[in-house]
């Protein structure tokens, strides 16, 4: 099976945020997905919604044999298992969350479906905290 290089962005703004991210990364790794690099943790304000809960975020470079949709289903299952009930696509807006895992890039793939867009343009081009994490990931 061929391996694909993927960048994930993980964030949490409820509970023990850093531990939530570490738990999610452990679950990713338990699936046999190699975690090649991780950025430094970054604290940031909520984006596109109001909340008094600040975020802890991290970017991770992984290697996987999963297809983009298989990977999406897997990360969504981690979110659900960790207590995230409402997905922003389902609710039409952002809310506080125990864990959020976004697929940012998948090799050099351009992919658009109803459930997934790769690359994740908001994280690549619009959100400052994301650009900082991706820059940090690329220098490590």
N, C-alpha and C. Protein backbone atom coordinates (compact mmCIF):
# COMPACT_ATOMS: atom_id res chain seq x y z
N UNK A 1 0.84 -1.19 0.00
CA UNK A 1 0.00 0.00 0.00
C UNK A 1 0.88 1.25 0.00
N UNK A 2 0.48 2.21 -0.81
CA UNK A 2 1.28 3.42 -0.84
C UNK A 2 0.96 4.30 0.36
N UNK A 3 1.98 5.02 0.76
CA UNK A 3 1.84 5.92 1.91
C UNK A 3 1.67 7.35 1.41
N UNK A 4 0.84 8.10 2.11
CA UNK A 4 0.56 9.48 1.75
C UNK A 4 0.97 10.40 2.89
N UNK A 5 1.56 11.52 2.55
CA UNK A 5 1.94 12.52 3.54
C UNK A 5 0.77 13.49 3.70
N UNK A 6 0.34 13.63 4.94
CA UNK A 6 -0.84 14.43 5.26
C UNK A 6 -0.52 15.36 6.42
N UNK A 7 -1.01 16.58 6.34
CA UNK A 7 -0.91 17.49 7.49
C UNK A 7 -2.28 17.59 8.14
N UNK A 8 -2.29 17.31 9.44
CA UNK A 8 -3.50 17.47 10.25
C UNK A 8 -3.32 18.67 11.16
N UNK A 9 -4.40 19.36 11.44
CA UNK A 9 -4.41 20.42 12.43
C UNK A 9 -5.38 19.99 13.53
N UNK A 10 -4.90 20.00 14.76
CA UNK A 10 -5.72 19.58 15.90
C UNK A 10 -5.90 20.76 16.84
N UNK A 11 -7.11 20.90 17.37
CA UNK A 11 -7.37 21.98 18.31
C UNK A 11 -8.38 21.56 19.36
N UNK A 12 -8.29 22.23 20.52
CA UNK A 12 -9.22 21.97 21.62
C UNK A 12 -9.38 23.25 22.42
N UNK A 13 -10.62 23.51 22.88
CA UNK A 13 -10.80 24.66 23.77
C UNK A 13 -11.70 24.32 24.96
N UNK A 14 -11.83 23.03 25.26
CA UNK A 14 -12.58 22.58 26.44
C UNK A 14 -11.75 21.58 27.24
N UNK A 15 -11.89 21.65 28.56
CA UNK A 15 -11.19 20.68 29.42
C UNK A 15 -9.69 20.88 29.41
N UNK A 16 -8.95 19.79 29.58
CA UNK A 16 -7.48 19.82 29.53
C UNK A 16 -7.07 19.78 28.07
N UNK A 17 -6.96 20.97 27.48
CA UNK A 17 -6.79 21.11 26.04
C UNK A 17 -5.56 20.38 25.50
N UNK A 18 -4.43 20.56 26.17
CA UNK A 18 -3.20 19.91 25.70
C UNK A 18 -3.34 18.38 25.78
N UNK A 19 -3.92 17.89 26.87
CA UNK A 19 -4.12 16.45 27.03
C UNK A 19 -5.09 15.92 25.97
N UNK A 20 -6.12 16.68 25.65
CA UNK A 20 -7.06 16.27 24.60
C UNK A 20 -6.34 16.06 23.27
N UNK A 21 -5.46 16.99 22.94
CA UNK A 21 -4.70 16.89 21.68
C UNK A 21 -3.76 15.69 21.73
N UNK A 22 -3.07 15.52 22.85
CA UNK A 22 -2.17 14.37 22.99
C UNK A 22 -2.93 13.05 22.89
N UNK A 23 -4.12 12.98 23.47
CA UNK A 23 -4.95 11.77 23.40
C UNK A 23 -5.35 11.50 21.95
N UNK A 24 -5.76 12.54 21.23
CA UNK A 24 -6.16 12.38 19.83
C UNK A 24 -4.98 11.90 18.99
N UNK A 25 -3.79 12.46 19.22
CA UNK A 25 -2.60 12.02 18.47
C UNK A 25 -2.27 10.56 18.78
N UNK A 26 -2.46 10.16 20.03
CA UNK A 26 -2.22 8.76 20.41
C UNK A 26 -3.19 7.85 19.66
N UNK A 27 -4.45 8.26 19.56
CA UNK A 27 -5.45 7.47 18.84
C UNK A 27 -5.11 7.38 17.35
N UNK A 28 -4.60 8.45 16.78
CA UNK A 28 -4.16 8.44 15.38
C UNK A 28 -3.05 7.41 15.22
N UNK A 29 -2.09 7.47 16.12
CA UNK A 29 -0.94 6.57 16.05
C UNK A 29 -1.34 5.11 16.27
N UNK A 30 -2.32 4.86 17.13
CA UNK A 30 -2.78 3.49 17.40
C UNK A 30 -3.40 2.83 16.17
N UNK A 31 -3.83 3.63 15.21
CA UNK A 31 -4.42 3.11 13.97
C UNK A 31 -3.34 2.65 13.00
N UNK A 32 -2.07 2.79 13.41
CA UNK A 32 -0.98 2.41 12.53
C UNK A 32 -0.54 3.54 11.62
N UNK A 33 -0.98 4.73 11.94
CA UNK A 33 -0.58 5.92 11.19
C UNK A 33 0.68 6.48 11.84
N UNK A 34 1.71 6.68 11.03
CA UNK A 34 2.96 7.22 11.56
C UNK A 34 2.87 8.73 11.72
N UNK A 35 3.23 9.20 12.91
CA UNK A 35 3.32 10.64 13.15
C UNK A 35 4.78 11.01 12.91
N UNK A 36 5.02 11.77 11.84
CA UNK A 36 6.38 12.09 11.42
C UNK A 36 6.93 13.33 12.12
N UNK A 37 6.08 14.34 12.31
CA UNK A 37 6.50 15.60 12.95
C UNK A 37 5.30 16.22 13.63
N UNK A 38 5.57 16.98 14.68
CA UNK A 38 4.53 17.81 15.28
C UNK A 38 5.10 19.20 15.53
N UNK A 39 4.24 20.18 15.44
CA UNK A 39 4.65 21.56 15.71
C UNK A 39 4.66 21.78 17.22
N UNK A 40 5.05 22.97 17.61
CA UNK A 40 4.88 23.40 18.99
C UNK A 40 3.39 23.63 19.23
N UNK A 41 2.97 23.55 20.49
CA UNK A 41 1.60 23.91 20.84
C UNK A 41 1.45 25.42 20.72
N UNK A 42 0.30 25.86 20.28
CA UNK A 42 0.03 27.29 20.12
C UNK A 42 -1.32 27.60 20.76
N UNK A 43 -1.35 28.66 21.55
CA UNK A 43 -2.58 29.13 22.18
C UNK A 43 -3.15 30.23 21.29
N UNK A 44 -4.47 30.15 21.01
CA UNK A 44 -5.07 31.16 20.14
C UNK A 44 -6.51 31.43 20.55
N UNK A 45 -6.99 32.57 20.13
CA UNK A 45 -8.38 32.96 20.36
C UNK A 45 -9.28 32.19 19.40
N UNK A 46 -10.55 31.98 19.76
CA UNK A 46 -11.49 31.36 18.82
C UNK A 46 -11.60 32.19 17.54
N UNK A 47 -11.80 31.51 16.42
CA UNK A 47 -11.93 32.17 15.12
C UNK A 47 -13.32 31.86 14.56
N UNK A 48 -13.98 32.89 14.08
CA UNK A 48 -15.30 32.78 13.45
C UNK A 48 -16.43 32.41 14.40
N UNK A 49 -16.19 32.51 15.72
CA UNK A 49 -17.27 32.40 16.70
C UNK A 49 -16.79 32.99 18.02
N UNK A 50 -17.74 33.41 18.86
CA UNK A 50 -17.40 34.02 20.14
C UNK A 50 -17.41 32.97 21.24
N UNK A 51 -16.33 32.97 22.04
CA UNK A 51 -16.24 32.08 23.19
C UNK A 51 -15.20 32.64 24.14
N UNK A 52 -15.40 32.40 25.43
CA UNK A 52 -14.40 32.83 26.41
C UNK A 52 -13.32 31.74 26.57
N UNK A 53 -13.47 30.60 25.91
CA UNK A 53 -12.50 29.50 26.00
C UNK A 53 -11.47 29.61 24.89
N UNK A 54 -10.20 29.79 25.28
CA UNK A 54 -9.15 29.89 24.28
C UNK A 54 -8.76 28.49 23.79
N UNK A 55 -8.14 28.45 22.64
CA UNK A 55 -7.75 27.20 22.01
C UNK A 55 -6.29 26.86 22.24
N UNK A 56 -6.03 25.57 22.27
CA UNK A 56 -4.69 25.04 22.16
C UNK A 56 -4.69 24.29 20.82
N UNK A 57 -3.68 24.53 19.99
CA UNK A 57 -3.62 23.96 18.65
C UNK A 57 -2.25 23.36 18.38
N UNK A 58 -2.23 22.42 17.43
CA UNK A 58 -0.98 21.81 17.00
C UNK A 58 -1.15 21.35 15.55
N UNK A 59 -0.06 21.33 14.80
CA UNK A 59 -0.06 20.76 13.45
C UNK A 59 0.80 19.50 13.49
N UNK A 60 0.41 18.51 12.69
CA UNK A 60 1.14 17.25 12.67
C UNK A 60 1.25 16.74 11.25
N UNK A 61 2.44 16.28 10.90
CA UNK A 61 2.67 15.62 9.62
C UNK A 61 2.60 14.13 9.86
N UNK A 62 1.72 13.45 9.11
CA UNK A 62 1.54 12.02 9.29
C UNK A 62 1.77 11.30 7.96
N UNK A 63 1.94 10.00 8.05
CA UNK A 63 2.04 9.14 6.88
C UNK A 63 0.97 8.06 7.02
N UNK A 64 0.11 7.93 6.00
CA UNK A 64 -1.02 7.01 6.08
C UNK A 64 -1.28 6.34 4.75
N UNK A 65 -1.85 5.16 4.80
CA UNK A 65 -2.31 4.48 3.58
C UNK A 65 -3.80 4.71 3.36
N UNK A 66 -4.47 5.39 4.29
CA UNK A 66 -5.90 5.66 4.16
C UNK A 66 -6.16 6.66 3.03
N UNK A 67 -7.29 6.49 2.36
CA UNK A 67 -7.72 7.48 1.36
C UNK A 67 -8.19 8.73 2.09
N UNK A 68 -8.37 9.85 1.38
CA UNK A 68 -8.86 11.05 2.06
C UNK A 68 -10.19 10.83 2.81
N UNK A 69 -11.14 10.15 2.21
CA UNK A 69 -12.43 9.93 2.87
C UNK A 69 -12.29 8.95 4.03
N UNK A 70 -11.48 7.90 3.86
CA UNK A 70 -11.24 6.98 4.98
C UNK A 70 -10.60 7.73 6.15
N UNK A 71 -9.64 8.61 5.86
CA UNK A 71 -8.99 9.39 6.90
C UNK A 71 -10.00 10.33 7.56
N UNK A 72 -10.84 10.98 6.78
CA UNK A 72 -11.87 11.86 7.34
C UNK A 72 -12.78 11.08 8.28
N UNK A 73 -13.25 9.92 7.83
CA UNK A 73 -14.12 9.09 8.68
C UNK A 73 -13.41 8.71 9.97
N UNK A 74 -12.12 8.38 9.86
CA UNK A 74 -11.35 7.99 11.05
C UNK A 74 -11.20 9.15 12.02
N UNK A 75 -10.80 10.34 11.54
CA UNK A 75 -10.62 11.47 12.47
C UNK A 75 -11.95 11.91 13.07
N UNK A 76 -13.04 11.81 12.29
CA UNK A 76 -14.36 12.14 12.83
C UNK A 76 -14.76 11.13 13.92
N UNK A 77 -14.35 9.87 13.75
CA UNK A 77 -14.65 8.86 14.79
C UNK A 77 -13.88 9.17 16.07
N UNK A 78 -12.67 9.68 15.95
CA UNK A 78 -11.90 10.09 17.14
C UNK A 78 -12.61 11.25 17.82
N UNK A 79 -13.03 12.25 17.04
CA UNK A 79 -13.74 13.39 17.62
C UNK A 79 -14.98 12.92 18.39
N UNK A 80 -15.76 12.06 17.78
CA UNK A 80 -16.99 11.55 18.41
C UNK A 80 -16.66 10.76 19.67
N UNK A 81 -15.65 9.88 19.58
CA UNK A 81 -15.24 9.06 20.73
C UNK A 81 -14.79 9.93 21.91
N UNK A 82 -14.18 11.07 21.60
CA UNK A 82 -13.68 11.96 22.65
C UNK A 82 -14.75 12.94 23.14
N UNK A 83 -15.97 12.85 22.60
CA UNK A 83 -17.05 13.66 23.14
C UNK A 83 -17.52 14.81 22.28
N UNK A 84 -16.99 14.92 21.06
CA UNK A 84 -17.49 15.99 20.19
C UNK A 84 -18.77 15.51 19.52
N UNK A 85 -19.84 16.20 19.79
CA UNK A 85 -21.14 15.81 19.27
C UNK A 85 -21.45 16.55 17.97
N UNK A 86 -21.24 17.86 17.98
CA UNK A 86 -21.64 18.69 16.85
C UNK A 86 -20.47 19.02 15.95
N UNK A 87 -20.57 18.61 14.71
CA UNK A 87 -19.59 18.96 13.70
C UNK A 87 -20.01 20.28 13.07
N UNK A 88 -19.05 21.15 12.77
CA UNK A 88 -19.39 22.48 12.23
C UNK A 88 -20.12 22.39 10.89
N UNK A 89 -19.82 21.38 10.07
CA UNK A 89 -20.55 21.23 8.80
C UNK A 89 -22.01 20.87 9.06
N UNK A 90 -22.26 20.08 10.09
CA UNK A 90 -23.64 19.65 10.40
C UNK A 90 -24.45 20.80 11.03
N UNK A 91 -23.79 21.58 11.89
CA UNK A 91 -24.51 22.64 12.61
C UNK A 91 -24.52 23.97 11.86
N UNK A 92 -23.64 24.10 10.86
CA UNK A 92 -23.58 25.33 10.09
C UNK A 92 -22.84 26.45 10.80
N UNK A 93 -22.11 26.13 11.85
CA UNK A 93 -21.33 27.14 12.56
C UNK A 93 -20.39 26.49 13.55
N UNK A 94 -19.51 27.29 14.11
CA UNK A 94 -18.51 26.78 15.04
C UNK A 94 -18.96 26.92 16.48
N UNK A 95 -18.55 25.97 17.31
CA UNK A 95 -18.84 25.98 18.74
C UNK A 95 -17.61 25.50 19.49
N UNK A 96 -17.63 25.63 20.83
CA UNK A 96 -16.57 25.07 21.65
C UNK A 96 -16.46 23.57 21.37
N UNK A 97 -15.24 23.03 21.49
CA UNK A 97 -15.07 21.61 21.21
C UNK A 97 -13.95 20.98 22.00
N UNK A 98 -14.17 19.74 22.39
CA UNK A 98 -13.16 18.95 23.10
C UNK A 98 -11.98 18.70 22.18
N UNK A 99 -12.28 18.36 20.92
CA UNK A 99 -11.23 18.11 19.93
C UNK A 99 -11.77 18.43 18.54
N UNK A 100 -10.90 18.97 17.73
CA UNK A 100 -11.20 19.23 16.33
C UNK A 100 -9.98 18.76 15.55
N UNK A 101 -10.19 17.94 14.54
CA UNK A 101 -9.09 17.44 13.72
C UNK A 101 -9.43 17.75 12.27
N UNK A 102 -8.61 18.58 11.63
CA UNK A 102 -8.83 18.95 10.24
C UNK A 102 -7.71 18.39 9.38
N UNK A 103 -8.08 17.92 8.19
CA UNK A 103 -7.11 17.51 7.19
C UNK A 103 -6.76 18.76 6.38
N UNK A 104 -5.50 19.17 6.41
CA UNK A 104 -5.09 20.41 5.76
C UNK A 104 -4.58 20.14 4.36
N UNK A 105 -3.63 19.21 4.23
CA UNK A 105 -3.13 18.79 2.92
C UNK A 105 -3.02 17.27 2.90
N UNK A 106 -3.05 16.73 1.71
CA UNK A 106 -2.93 15.28 1.49
C UNK A 106 -2.09 15.14 0.23
N UNK A 107 -0.80 14.83 0.41
CA UNK A 107 0.16 14.87 -0.71
C UNK A 107 -0.03 16.22 -1.42
N UNK A 108 -0.09 16.20 -2.73
CA UNK A 108 -0.33 17.42 -3.51
C UNK A 108 -1.76 17.44 -4.05
N UNK A 109 -2.62 16.64 -3.45
CA UNK A 109 -3.97 16.42 -3.94
C UNK A 109 -4.85 17.66 -3.83
N UNK A 110 -5.63 17.88 -4.89
CA UNK A 110 -6.74 18.83 -4.86
C UNK A 110 -8.00 17.99 -4.91
N UNK A 111 -8.84 18.09 -3.88
CA UNK A 111 -10.00 17.21 -3.75
C UNK A 111 -11.15 18.01 -3.16
N UNK A 112 -12.32 17.90 -3.78
CA UNK A 112 -13.50 18.58 -3.26
C UNK A 112 -14.68 17.61 -3.29
N UNK A 113 -15.32 17.45 -2.13
CA UNK A 113 -16.56 16.69 -2.05
C UNK A 113 -17.49 17.45 -1.11
N UNK A 114 -18.66 16.92 -0.90
CA UNK A 114 -19.61 17.57 0.00
C UNK A 114 -19.07 17.63 1.43
N UNK A 115 -18.26 16.63 1.81
CA UNK A 115 -17.77 16.51 3.18
C UNK A 115 -16.35 17.01 3.41
N UNK A 116 -15.58 17.18 2.34
CA UNK A 116 -14.15 17.43 2.51
C UNK A 116 -13.60 18.25 1.36
N UNK A 117 -12.74 19.22 1.71
CA UNK A 117 -12.01 19.98 0.70
C UNK A 117 -10.53 19.96 1.07
N UNK A 118 -9.71 19.49 0.12
CA UNK A 118 -8.26 19.44 0.30
C UNK A 118 -7.64 20.16 -0.90
N UNK A 119 -6.74 21.11 -0.68
CA UNK A 119 -6.28 21.56 0.63
C UNK A 119 -7.34 22.41 1.34
N UNK A 120 -7.18 22.49 2.66
CA UNK A 120 -8.10 23.25 3.51
C UNK A 120 -7.69 24.72 3.41
N UNK A 121 -8.35 25.45 2.52
CA UNK A 121 -7.92 26.80 2.17
C UNK A 121 -7.95 27.79 3.33
N UNK A 122 -8.95 27.70 4.21
CA UNK A 122 -9.00 28.64 5.35
C UNK A 122 -7.76 28.51 6.21
N UNK A 123 -7.34 27.26 6.48
CA UNK A 123 -6.16 27.07 7.33
C UNK A 123 -4.87 27.44 6.60
N UNK A 124 -4.81 27.22 5.31
CA UNK A 124 -3.59 27.54 4.57
C UNK A 124 -3.41 29.03 4.34
N UNK A 125 -4.52 29.74 4.10
CA UNK A 125 -4.39 31.11 3.60
C UNK A 125 -5.03 32.20 4.45
N UNK A 126 -5.99 31.86 5.32
CA UNK A 126 -6.73 32.89 6.02
C UNK A 126 -6.44 32.98 7.51
N UNK A 127 -6.27 31.87 8.17
CA UNK A 127 -6.17 31.87 9.63
C UNK A 127 -4.71 31.99 10.07
N UNK A 128 -4.43 33.08 10.79
CA UNK A 128 -3.05 33.36 11.19
C UNK A 128 -2.47 32.26 12.08
N UNK A 129 -3.26 31.74 13.03
CA UNK A 129 -2.72 30.71 13.92
C UNK A 129 -2.34 29.47 13.12
N UNK A 130 -3.12 29.14 12.10
CA UNK A 130 -2.82 27.98 11.26
C UNK A 130 -1.53 28.19 10.50
N UNK A 131 -1.38 29.37 9.92
CA UNK A 131 -0.15 29.65 9.16
C UNK A 131 1.08 29.58 10.06
N UNK A 132 0.94 30.04 11.31
CA UNK A 132 2.07 29.96 12.26
C UNK A 132 2.41 28.49 12.57
N UNK A 133 1.38 27.66 12.78
CA UNK A 133 1.62 26.25 13.07
C UNK A 133 2.26 25.54 11.89
N UNK A 134 1.81 25.82 10.69
CA UNK A 134 2.35 25.18 9.50
C UNK A 134 3.79 25.61 9.26
N UNK A 135 4.09 26.88 9.52
CA UNK A 135 5.46 27.37 9.41
C UNK A 135 6.35 26.67 10.42
N UNK A 136 5.87 26.50 11.65
CA UNK A 136 6.62 25.82 12.69
C UNK A 136 6.85 24.35 12.31
N UNK A 137 5.84 23.72 11.76
CA UNK A 137 5.96 22.32 11.35
C UNK A 137 7.01 22.16 10.26
N UNK A 138 7.08 23.09 9.35
CA UNK A 138 8.02 23.02 8.24
C UNK A 138 9.46 23.29 8.64
N UNK A 139 9.66 23.96 9.78
CA UNK A 139 11.04 24.26 10.17
C UNK A 139 11.62 23.18 11.11
N UNK A 140 10.76 22.33 11.67
CA UNK A 140 11.28 21.31 12.60
C UNK A 140 11.83 20.13 11.86
